[in-house]
Amino acid sequence: MSGVAISLNPNQVSPGLLGFIIVCILGVAVWLLCRNMGKHLTKLDAEYRDEQAKATGQDADSEESADAPAVPAQQK
């Protein structure tokens, strides 16, 4: 056998620097994808609220929720 095959013990082999770099790149990619997804979900939520406000006839910036019951005016 060659000297290289004898010096490598399968119980002591580690991923090394290349494995560390790959894991770091994957971690950064996941972080960027999650950040981008959060921005897109925020935009979708705003569009959904605008559509709901138009459907119910309320102002989109109104504090009232579409689910909140309207308070009737008191009669004298």
Protein backbone atom coordinates (compact mmCIF):
# COMPACT_ATOMS: atom_id res chain seq x y z
CA MET A 1 0.00 0.00 0.00
CA SER A 2 1.03 3.58 -0.47
CA GLY A 3 1.98 5.85 2.42
CA VAL A 4 -1.04 8.12 1.87
CA ALA A 5 -3.55 5.32 2.26
CA ILE A 6 -1.97 4.20 5.51
CA SER A 7 -1.81 7.70 7.03
CA LEU A 8 -5.56 8.36 6.57
CA ASN A 9 -7.61 6.91 9.37
CA PRO A 10 -11.36 6.82 8.48
CA ASN A 11 -12.23 7.58 12.12
CA GLN A 12 -10.23 10.83 12.08
CA VAL A 13 -11.16 12.29 8.69
CA SER A 14 -12.95 15.65 8.96
CA PRO A 15 -14.60 17.91 6.38
CA GLY A 16 -11.86 20.50 6.78
CA LEU A 17 -11.78 24.02 5.45
CA LEU A 18 -13.74 23.23 2.29
CA GLY A 19 -16.65 21.82 4.29
CA PHE A 20 -16.64 24.88 6.57
CA ILE A 21 -16.69 27.25 3.58
CA ILE A 22 -19.58 25.36 1.94
CA VAL A 23 -21.62 25.43 5.17
CA CYS A 24 -20.98 29.17 5.54
CA ILE A 25 -22.05 29.85 1.95
CA LEU A 26 -25.24 27.83 2.45
CA GLY A 27 -25.96 29.69 5.70
CA VAL A 28 -25.56 33.10 4.05
CA ALA A 29 -27.75 31.99 1.13
CA VAL A 30 -30.52 30.82 3.48
CA TRP A 31 -30.31 34.08 5.46
CA LEU A 32 -30.61 36.17 2.28
CA LEU A 33 -33.52 34.09 1.00
CA CYS A 34 -35.38 34.44 4.32
CA ARG A 35 -34.82 38.20 4.36
CA ASN A 36 -36.11 38.50 0.79
CA MET A 37 -39.13 36.32 1.58
CA GLY A 38 -39.98 38.58 4.53
CA LYS A 39 -40.00 41.62 2.27
CA HIS A 40 -42.28 39.89 -0.23
CA LEU A 41 -44.68 38.73 2.50
CA THR A 42 -44.90 42.29 3.83
CA LYS A 43 -45.82 43.54 0.36
CA LEU A 44 -48.44 40.80 -0.03
CA ASP A 45 -49.96 41.67 3.35
CA ALA A 46 -50.22 45.35 2.38
CA GLU A 47 -51.84 44.45 -0.96
CA TYR A 48 -54.29 42.12 0.82
CA ARG A 49 -55.27 44.85 3.28
CA ASP A 50 -55.81 47.32 0.42
CA GLU A 51 -58.03 44.85 -1.43
CA GLN A 52 -60.04 44.11 1.71
CA ALA A 53 -60.48 47.83 2.38
CA LYS A 54 -61.71 48.44 -1.18
CA ALA A 55 -64.11 45.51 -0.93
CA THR A 56 -65.64 46.80 2.29
CA GLY A 57 -65.58 50.44 1.22
CA GLN A 58 -63.22 51.57 3.97
CA ASP A 59 -60.16 53.75 3.62
CA ALA A 60 -56.99 51.62 3.36
CA ASP A 61 -55.23 53.71 6.03
CA SER A 62 -58.18 53.62 8.41
CA GLU A 63 -57.63 52.40 11.96
CA GLU A 64 -60.84 50.38 11.88
CA SER A 65 -60.59 46.72 11.06
CA ALA A 66 -62.82 45.15 8.43
CA ASP A 67 -63.83 42.57 11.05
CA ALA A 68 -64.80 45.11 13.72
CA PRO A 69 -68.53 45.78 14.00
CA ALA A 70 -69.66 49.29 13.21
CA VAL A 71 -70.95 51.25 16.19
CA PRO A 72 -74.43 52.65 15.42
CA ALA A 73 -75.07 56.35 16.05
CA GLN A 74 -77.05 57.03 19.16
CA GLN A 75 -80.55 58.46 18.65
CA LYS A 76 -81.89 61.29 20.80
